[in-house]
Amino acid sequence: MQSYKILSGNLAGVDEISGYMLLKLNINQVQLMSKFGLSIEDANYIPMYEEYLSLRHNGVPKERIYQHFRNEYHVSESTTKRVIKRLSRQVKP
């Protein structure tokens, strides 16, 4: 495996990397995310959040959006609200 110094500059061409090394490379971002209540799993909701922003911009009522997400993404209204709140919150590093 390539050295940490090489990895930190560019991951292209690396066939495998340990979880430890991946976290080590991204420790500052992970710690910042944690500080502001975000988790790595929130990345799974990015497409849903982007769709939410687009629908709201087009004037679709929130209740219709929640119903759509229940069918499309199989998430409850409460989960949708929590995700939107977390991803909408402004962070100040």
Protein backbone atom coordinates (compact mmCIF):
# COMPACT_ATOMS: atom_id res chain seq x y z
CA MET A 1 0.00 0.00 0.00
CA GLN A 2 1.14 3.51 -0.72
CA SER A 3 2.32 5.71 2.12
CA TYR A 4 0.06 8.10 4.07
CA LYS A 5 1.88 11.12 2.65
CA ILE A 6 1.15 10.02 -0.91
CA LEU A 7 -2.46 9.11 -0.04
CA SER A 8 -3.18 12.48 1.49
CA GLY A 9 -2.34 14.13 -1.80
CA ASN A 10 -4.18 11.84 -4.19
CA LEU A 11 -6.17 8.61 -3.86
CA ALA A 12 -6.13 7.89 -7.60
CA GLY A 13 -4.69 4.48 -8.34
CA VAL A 14 -5.13 3.16 -4.80
CA ASP A 15 -6.79 -0.26 -4.86
CA GLU A 16 -7.62 -0.51 -1.18
CA ILE A 17 -7.38 1.54 1.96
CA SER A 18 -8.22 0.73 5.57
CA GLY A 19 -11.09 2.41 7.38
CA TYR A 20 -8.54 3.89 9.76
CA MET A 21 -6.59 5.52 6.93
CA LEU A 22 -9.73 6.87 5.31
CA LEU A 23 -10.84 8.45 8.59
CA LYS A 24 -7.33 9.74 9.25
CA LEU A 25 -7.29 11.45 5.85
CA ASN A 26 -10.62 13.13 6.56
CA ILE A 27 -10.41 13.65 10.32
CA ASN A 28 -10.87 17.43 10.19
CA GLN A 29 -14.03 17.18 8.09
CA VAL A 30 -15.45 14.33 10.20
CA GLN A 31 -14.82 16.24 13.44
CA LEU A 32 -16.40 19.39 12.00
CA MET A 33 -19.45 17.40 10.85
CA SER A 34 -19.78 15.86 14.30
CA LYS A 35 -19.47 19.25 16.00
CA PHE A 36 -22.48 20.49 14.03
CA GLY A 37 -24.63 17.39 14.48
CA LEU A 38 -24.04 15.86 11.05
CA SER A 39 -23.15 12.25 10.47
CA ILE A 40 -21.64 10.36 7.58
CA GLU A 41 -25.05 8.75 7.01
CA ASP A 42 -26.49 12.19 6.20
CA ALA A 43 -24.67 11.95 2.86
CA ASN A 44 -27.30 9.37 1.85
CA TYR A 45 -29.96 12.09 2.06
CA ILE A 46 -28.26 14.61 -0.22
CA PRO A 47 -30.33 13.68 -3.33
CA MET A 48 -33.53 13.89 -1.27
CA TYR A 49 -32.54 17.29 0.16
CA GLU A 50 -31.66 18.65 -3.27
CA GLU A 51 -35.05 17.48 -4.55
CA TYR A 52 -36.71 19.10 -1.54
CA LEU A 53 -35.04 22.44 -2.35
CA SER A 54 -36.13 22.21 -5.97
CA LEU A 55 -39.73 21.32 -5.08
CA ARG A 56 -39.97 24.13 -2.52
CA HIS A 57 -38.48 26.57 -5.05
CA ASN A 58 -41.27 25.53 -7.44
CA GLY A 59 -43.91 26.19 -4.79
CA VAL A 60 -44.83 22.62 -3.89
CA PRO A 61 -46.42 22.52 -0.41
CA LYS A 62 -44.42 20.74 2.29
CA GLU A 63 -47.19 18.18 2.92
CA ARG A 64 -47.07 17.04 -0.71
CA ILE A 65 -43.29 16.83 -0.54
CA TYR A 66 -43.44 14.68 2.61
CA GLN A 67 -45.94 12.37 0.93
CA HIS A 68 -43.73 12.13 -2.16
CA PHE A 69 -40.66 11.28 -0.05
CA ARG A 70 -42.62 8.66 1.85
CA ASN A 71 -43.32 6.93 -1.47
CA GLU A 72 -40.08 7.67 -3.31
CA TYR A 73 -37.45 7.36 -0.55
CA HIS A 74 -39.42 5.29 1.98
CA VAL A 75 -38.77 7.71 4.83
CA SER A 76 -41.29 8.97 7.34
CA GLU A 77 -42.39 12.57 7.61
CA SER A 78 -40.52 12.95 10.90
CA THR A 79 -37.30 11.62 9.36
CA THR A 80 -37.72 13.98 6.42
CA LYS A 81 -38.20 16.94 8.76
CA ARG A 82 -35.13 16.01 10.84
CA VAL A 83 -32.95 15.63 7.73
CA ILE A 84 -34.14 18.93 6.27
CA LYS A 85 -33.48 20.68 9.57
CA ARG A 86 -29.95 19.22 9.88
CA LEU A 87 -28.96 19.94 6.29
CA SER A 88 -30.49 23.44 6.27
CA ARG A 89 -28.73 24.59 9.43
CA GLN A 90 -25.96 27.10 8.84
CA VAL A 91 -22.58 26.09 10.27
CA LYS A 92 -19.81 28.40 11.32
CA PRO A 93 -16.41 26.69 11.49
